[in-house]
Protein backbone atom coordinates (compact mmCIF):
# COMPACT_ATOMS: atom_id res chain seq x y z
CA MET A 1 0.23 -0.22 -0.07
CA SER A 2 1.35 3.87 -1.06
CA ASP A 3 2.28 6.18 2.11
CA LEU A 4 0.45 8.66 -0.21
CA ALA A 5 -2.63 8.80 -2.26
CA ILE A 6 -4.06 12.12 -4.48
CA GLY A 7 -7.71 13.01 -4.05
CA LEU A 8 -9.05 15.39 -7.01
CA ASP A 9 -11.95 17.42 -6.45
CA LEU A 10 -13.90 18.69 -9.74
CA GLY A 11 -15.80 21.51 -9.37
CA GLY A 12 -17.71 24.20 -11.74
CA THR A 13 -15.29 26.53 -11.56
CA GLN A 14 -11.97 25.05 -9.96
CA ILE A 15 -10.54 21.57 -9.45
CA LYS A 16 -8.83 21.24 -6.12
CA ALA A 17 -6.37 18.22 -5.29
CA VAL A 18 -4.20 17.01 -2.16
CA VAL A 19 -1.88 14.77 -1.70
CA ALA A 20 -2.23 12.98 1.65
CA ASN A 21 -0.67 10.26 3.69
CA ALA A 22 -1.96 7.57 5.14
CA ALA A 23 -3.18 9.38 8.42
CA GLY A 24 -5.03 12.39 6.78
CA LYS A 25 -2.48 14.81 6.88
CA VAL A 26 -2.65 16.53 3.56
CA ILE A 27 0.99 17.01 2.22
CA ARG A 28 0.43 19.41 -0.73
CA ARG A 29 -2.50 21.29 -2.22
CA GLU A 30 -3.20 22.81 -5.32
CA VAL A 31 -5.96 24.55 -7.31
CA ARG A 32 -6.95 24.94 -11.32
CA PRO A 33 -9.70 26.81 -12.90
CA THR A 34 -12.25 24.10 -14.35
CA GLY A 35 -11.87 25.63 -17.89
CA GLY A 36 -14.30 24.91 -20.52
CA GLU A 37 -17.47 22.49 -20.61
CA ILE A 38 -17.24 20.53 -23.84
CA ALA A 39 -15.89 16.83 -24.08
CA PRO A 40 -13.76 14.56 -22.02
CA SER A 41 -10.73 16.08 -24.29
CA GLN A 42 -11.52 19.59 -23.29
CA PRO A 43 -9.77 21.59 -20.46
CA TRP A 44 -11.26 20.13 -17.41
CA ALA A 45 -10.33 16.61 -18.30
CA ARG A 46 -7.28 17.37 -19.43
CA THR A 47 -6.47 19.45 -16.23
CA MET A 48 -7.33 16.67 -13.95
CA ARG A 49 -5.00 14.01 -15.72
CA ALA A 50 -2.01 16.95 -15.95
CA LEU A 51 -2.52 17.44 -11.99
CA ALA A 52 -2.55 13.59 -11.52
CA ASN A 53 0.75 13.17 -12.85
CA GLU A 54 2.07 15.99 -11.90
CA LEU A 55 1.23 15.02 -8.40
CA GLY A 56 2.51 11.21 -8.42
CA GLY A 57 2.29 9.56 -11.75
CA SER A 58 2.57 6.09 -9.48
CA LEU A 59 0.39 7.04 -6.35
CA PRO A 60 -3.20 5.79 -5.82
CA VAL A 61 -5.99 8.65 -7.30
CA GLY A 62 -9.40 9.10 -5.95
CA ILE A 63 -12.25 11.45 -7.78
CA SER A 64 -14.73 13.51 -6.47
CA ALA A 65 -17.12 15.11 -8.64
CA PRO A 66 -20.61 16.29 -8.96
CA GLY A 67 -23.73 13.94 -9.76
CA ILE A 68 -24.61 10.34 -9.24
CA ALA A 69 -21.65 7.63 -9.18
CA ALA A 70 -22.00 4.43 -10.90
CA ARG A 71 -22.26 1.45 -8.90
CA ASP A 72 -18.79 0.11 -9.97
CA GLY A 73 -17.11 3.23 -8.54
CA ARG A 74 -15.59 4.24 -11.86
CA SER A 75 -17.67 7.17 -13.09
CA ILE A 76 -20.24 9.26 -12.97
CA MET A 77 -23.54 7.87 -14.05
CA ALA A 78 -25.52 10.86 -14.52
CA LEU A 79 -25.20 14.54 -14.22
CA PRO A 80 -28.07 16.55 -16.02
CA ASN A 81 -27.28 19.64 -17.81
CA ARG A 82 -23.65 20.10 -16.24
CA LEU A 83 -20.21 19.15 -17.70
CA PRO A 84 -20.92 18.09 -20.49
CA GLY A 85 -18.79 14.90 -21.17
CA LEU A 86 -18.45 13.37 -17.69
CA GLU A 87 -21.17 11.04 -17.59
CA GLY A 88 -19.73 7.75 -18.37
CA LEU A 89 -16.33 9.00 -18.51
CA ASP A 90 -14.02 6.01 -16.81
CA TRP A 91 -11.54 7.85 -14.83
CA THR A 92 -9.39 4.77 -14.48
CA ALA A 93 -8.66 4.71 -18.06
CA TRP A 94 -8.63 8.29 -18.72
CA LEU A 95 -5.81 8.75 -15.46
CA HIS A 96 -4.06 5.59 -17.65
CA ARG A 97 -3.89 3.82 -13.62
CA ASP A 98 -3.28 0.83 -13.60
CA ARG A 99 -5.15 0.65 -10.10
CA LEU A 100 -9.21 1.62 -9.80
CA VAL A 101 -9.38 5.38 -9.65
CA PRO A 102 -12.77 5.22 -7.06
CA VAL A 103 -15.49 8.06 -7.98
CA ARG A 104 -17.44 9.34 -5.24
CA ASN A 105 -20.23 12.19 -5.69
CA ASP A 106 -18.86 15.64 -4.46
CA ALA A 107 -20.91 15.61 -1.17
CA GLN A 108 -20.20 12.27 -0.76
CA SER A 109 -16.61 12.67 -0.72
CA SER A 110 -16.96 15.83 1.34
CA LEU A 111 -18.34 13.78 4.54
CA LEU A 112 -15.91 10.96 3.85
CA GLY A 113 -13.56 13.45 4.32
CA GLU A 114 -14.99 15.03 7.73
CA ALA A 115 -15.45 11.50 8.84
CA TRP A 116 -11.93 10.78 8.11
CA VAL A 117 -10.27 14.16 9.68
CA GLY A 118 -12.68 16.32 10.11
CA ALA A 119 -15.55 17.36 12.38
CA ALA A 120 -17.29 13.63 12.40
CA ARG A 121 -14.55 11.64 13.28
CA GLU A 122 -15.65 8.59 15.41
CA MET A 123 -19.08 8.77 14.54
CA ARG A 124 -21.35 6.10 13.10
CA ASP A 125 -24.17 8.41 12.06
CA VAL A 126 -23.96 11.77 10.96
CA ILE A 127 -25.38 13.70 7.54
CA LEU A 128 -23.73 16.60 5.73
CA LEU A 129 -25.31 19.49 4.19
CA THR A 130 -23.48 21.51 1.96
CA LEU A 131 -25.01 25.16 1.47
CA GLY A 132 -23.61 26.98 -1.44
CA THR A 133 -25.30 27.49 -4.95
CA GLY A 134 -27.08 24.56 -4.17
CA VAL A 135 -27.57 22.43 -1.38
CA GLY A 136 -25.82 18.97 -1.42
CA GLY A 137 -26.38 16.17 1.31
CA ALA A 138 -24.51 12.87 2.25
CA ALA A 139 -25.12 10.74 4.74
CA ILE A 140 -23.15 8.07 7.09
CA CYS A 141 -25.46 5.29 8.73
CA ASP A 142 -24.24 2.75 11.27
CA GLY A 143 -20.89 3.52 10.10
CA LYS A 144 -21.61 3.32 6.31
CA LEU A 145 -21.63 5.76 3.60
CA LEU A 146 -25.22 5.80 2.76
CA ARG A 147 -26.00 5.19 -1.32
CA GLY A 148 -29.09 3.92 -1.72
CA HIS A 149 -30.25 1.29 -4.51
CA ILE A 150 -28.56 3.42 -7.82
CA GLY A 151 -27.00 5.90 -5.71
CA ARG A 152 -29.40 8.63 -4.85
CA GLY A 153 -28.81 8.22 -1.38
CA GLY A 154 -28.17 11.53 0.33
CA HIS A 155 -29.62 13.84 -1.70
CA LEU A 156 -30.51 16.02 0.75
CA GLY A 157 -31.11 19.41 -0.93
CA HIS A 158 -33.60 18.03 -3.03
CA ILE A 159 -36.69 17.17 0.38
CA SER A 160 -39.51 18.63 -0.68
CA LEU A 161 -40.80 21.74 1.79
CA ASP A 162 -43.46 22.95 -0.52
CA ILE A 163 -45.88 20.51 -2.43
CA HIS A 164 -47.09 23.30 -4.52
CA GLY A 165 -43.51 24.63 -5.17
CA ALA A 166 -41.67 25.07 -8.47
CA PRO A 167 -39.56 21.45 -9.18
CA SER A 168 -36.18 21.51 -8.45
CA ILE A 169 -33.36 20.63 -11.12
CA CYS A 170 -34.40 16.80 -9.70
CA GLY A 171 -37.90 17.45 -10.44
CA THR A 172 -38.82 17.57 -6.65
CA PRO A 173 -41.69 20.94 -5.54
CA GLY A 174 -40.45 22.97 -3.34
CA ALA A 175 -36.94 21.77 -2.58
CA LEU A 176 -34.75 22.76 0.28
CA GLU A 177 -32.10 24.31 -2.04
CA ASP A 178 -34.46 26.69 -3.54
CA PHE A 179 -35.38 28.15 -0.16
CA ILE A 180 -31.85 28.52 0.70
CA GLY A 181 -29.42 27.58 -2.29
CA ASN A 182 -27.45 30.74 -3.49
CA HIS A 183 -28.45 30.23 -7.07
CA ASN A 184 -32.07 31.77 -6.71
CA ILE A 185 -31.47 34.71 -4.44
CA ARG A 186 -32.75 37.53 -6.40
CA GLU A 187 -36.17 35.15 -7.13
CA ARG A 188 -36.39 34.95 -3.27
CA THR A 189 -35.61 38.20 -2.18
CA ALA A 190 -37.69 40.24 -5.09
CA GLY A 191 -34.24 41.69 -6.45
CA ARG A 192 -32.72 43.13 -3.69
CA PHE A 193 -30.24 40.98 -2.75
CA ALA A 194 -27.98 39.38 -5.70
CA THR A 195 -26.13 36.83 -3.15
CA THR A 196 -26.64 35.19 0.23
CA HIS A 197 -23.87 37.17 1.51
CA GLU A 198 -25.57 40.46 1.18
CA LEU A 199 -28.43 39.20 2.51
CA VAL A 200 -26.79 38.15 5.56
CA ALA A 201 -24.98 41.39 5.76
CA ALA A 202 -28.42 43.24 5.45
CA PHE A 203 -29.58 40.93 8.15
CA ARG A 204 -26.59 41.56 10.77
CA ALA A 205 -27.24 45.77 9.90
CA GLY A 206 -30.97 45.30 11.20
CA ASP A 207 -32.85 45.33 7.67
CA PRO A 208 -36.31 44.60 8.20
CA THR A 209 -36.76 42.81 4.81
CA ALA A 210 -33.44 41.28 4.79
CA ARG A 211 -34.18 39.93 8.13
CA GLU A 212 -37.60 38.28 6.69
CA ALA A 213 -36.17 36.85 4.18
CA TRP A 214 -33.12 34.90 5.90
CA LEU A 215 -35.27 33.58 8.75
CA LYS A 216 -37.68 32.04 6.27
CA SER A 217 -34.53 30.04 4.80
CA ILE A 218 -33.75 29.51 8.42
CA ARG A 219 -36.81 28.17 9.00
CA ALA A 220 -36.88 26.02 5.99
CA LEU A 221 -33.37 24.46 6.95
CA ALA A 222 -34.71 23.74 10.39
CA CYS A 223 -37.46 21.86 9.03
CA ALA A 224 -35.51 19.86 6.74
CA ILE A 225 -33.08 18.43 9.44
CA ALA A 226 -35.99 18.02 11.60
CA SER A 227 -37.18 15.83 8.76
CA PHE A 228 -33.57 14.19 8.52
CA VAL A 229 -33.43 13.59 12.30
CA ASN A 230 -36.57 11.82 11.99
CA ILE A 231 -35.65 9.94 9.05
CA LEU A 232 -31.75 8.69 10.33
CA ASP A 233 -31.63 9.92 13.25
CA PRO A 234 -27.68 11.36 13.05
CA GLU A 235 -25.95 11.81 16.08
CA ALA A 236 -24.67 15.08 14.30
CA VAL A 237 -25.73 17.64 11.42
CA LEU A 238 -22.56 19.21 9.55
CA LEU A 239 -22.82 22.13 7.90
CA GLY A 240 -20.77 23.32 5.09
CA GLY A 241 -20.52 25.07 1.93
CA GLY A 242 -20.20 29.27 1.79
CA ILE A 243 -23.55 29.95 3.46
CA ALA A 244 -22.52 28.17 7.01
CA GLN A 245 -19.64 30.93 6.92
CA ALA A 246 -22.41 32.88 8.20
CA GLY A 247 -21.55 31.85 11.50
CA ASP A 248 -23.59 33.34 14.45
CA ALA A 249 -26.26 35.09 11.90
CA LEU A 250 -26.71 31.13 11.02
CA PHE A 251 -26.42 29.13 13.95
CA PRO A 252 -28.18 30.59 16.72
CA PRO A 253 -31.42 31.56 14.72
CA LEU A 254 -31.05 27.66 13.38
CA ALA A 255 -30.98 26.65 16.89
CA THR A 256 -33.65 28.63 18.14
CA GLU A 257 -35.97 27.20 15.34
CA LEU A 258 -35.33 23.63 16.12
CA ALA A 259 -35.79 23.84 19.58
CA THR A 260 -39.70 24.30 18.19
CA ILE A 261 -39.78 21.58 16.01
CA GLU A 262 -37.02 18.53 16.46
CA TRP A 263 -38.65 15.59 18.13
CA ARG A 264 -36.15 15.39 21.36
CA PRO A 265 -37.21 11.92 23.07
CA GLY A 266 -35.77 12.15 26.59
CA GLY A 267 -34.86 15.93 26.05
CA HIS A 268 -31.80 14.46 23.40
CA ALA A 269 -30.95 17.19 20.71
CA VAL A 270 -29.41 16.43 17.61
CA LYS A 271 -25.83 18.55 17.47
CA VAL A 272 -25.54 20.90 14.68
CA LEU A 273 -22.05 21.45 14.10
CA PRO A 274 -19.66 23.54 11.15
CA ALA A 275 -17.92 21.11 8.67
CA ALA A 276 -14.21 21.54 9.37
CA LEU A 277 -12.55 21.01 6.07
CA GLY A 278 -14.04 23.82 4.26
CA GLU A 279 -13.43 23.69 0.36
CA TRP A 280 -10.81 20.93 0.63
CA ALA A 281 -13.15 18.40 2.12
CA GLY A 282 -13.87 16.79 -1.29
CA ALA A 283 -10.50 16.31 -2.15
CA ILE A 284 -9.24 14.87 1.24
CA GLY A 285 -12.27 12.49 1.01
CA ALA A 286 -11.13 11.56 -2.26
CA ALA A 287 -7.66 10.64 -0.92
CA ARG A 288 -9.05 8.34 1.68
CA GLU A 289 -11.06 6.89 -1.29
CA ALA A 290 -7.85 5.71 -3.04
CA PHE A 291 -6.31 4.37 0.02
CA LEU A 292 -9.35 2.30 0.85
CA ALA A 293 -9.75 0.96 -2.72
CA ASN A 294 -5.92 0.41 -2.94
CA SER A 295 -5.37 -1.26 0.17
């Protein structure tokens, strides 16, 4: 077994790469622009291969990418309307590796990274919500990553909170990500705010319109978390992504909402914690998978 492994995290705007040792310590970090979205031979795929070779042509590699990973773990089988050419791309073959290059959904990779060396260490039941442009999600149940029958397990951002709402990108009416994701912030605030960062800044400044909009989003998040708790009964819920950086504008009001709606038998309340690894969680989780696949 190699003492080092590479984790590559393919995002819409950036590719993040790490070299980590078997204890999870990151030895090296690299970032590259994703580039064009045309075909496997175009910039993002070539950049991934160049990075893998630069970081160690003989080292095991793991891939974190958006979409649903194929059951054989070699590719992304479904990703509608983004990164054309990614679906079905066999990363073991593309990177010219003799050993399997395991492929995971990006949110799943992030949670695996957090469980390895982050906020979810030693937890056997934990979920992660990544709050950003949309809402990603993943779950570990009884110590195992929840994948489901075809790999859809853990797509928590697409729980329906409004049966009469507009469909999400997955077709779910009134999805959680449409209540708190950054992608539709202008629509949710009648054009007043271009980003969630602006909304939170106005909330902190005491703007009543911002307060109403932000607390509505937090209420939706609390309802979703309470629902996940009833289904999966996690020890903790981790919040990551850019919106989770709102800190005291997010966690205290979220705790207030959860106190009124979470089912708490025996007074037991789920822990809601910030994720620890930030934007590097997916790459770190991918490196972990590379170790496991090549052990």
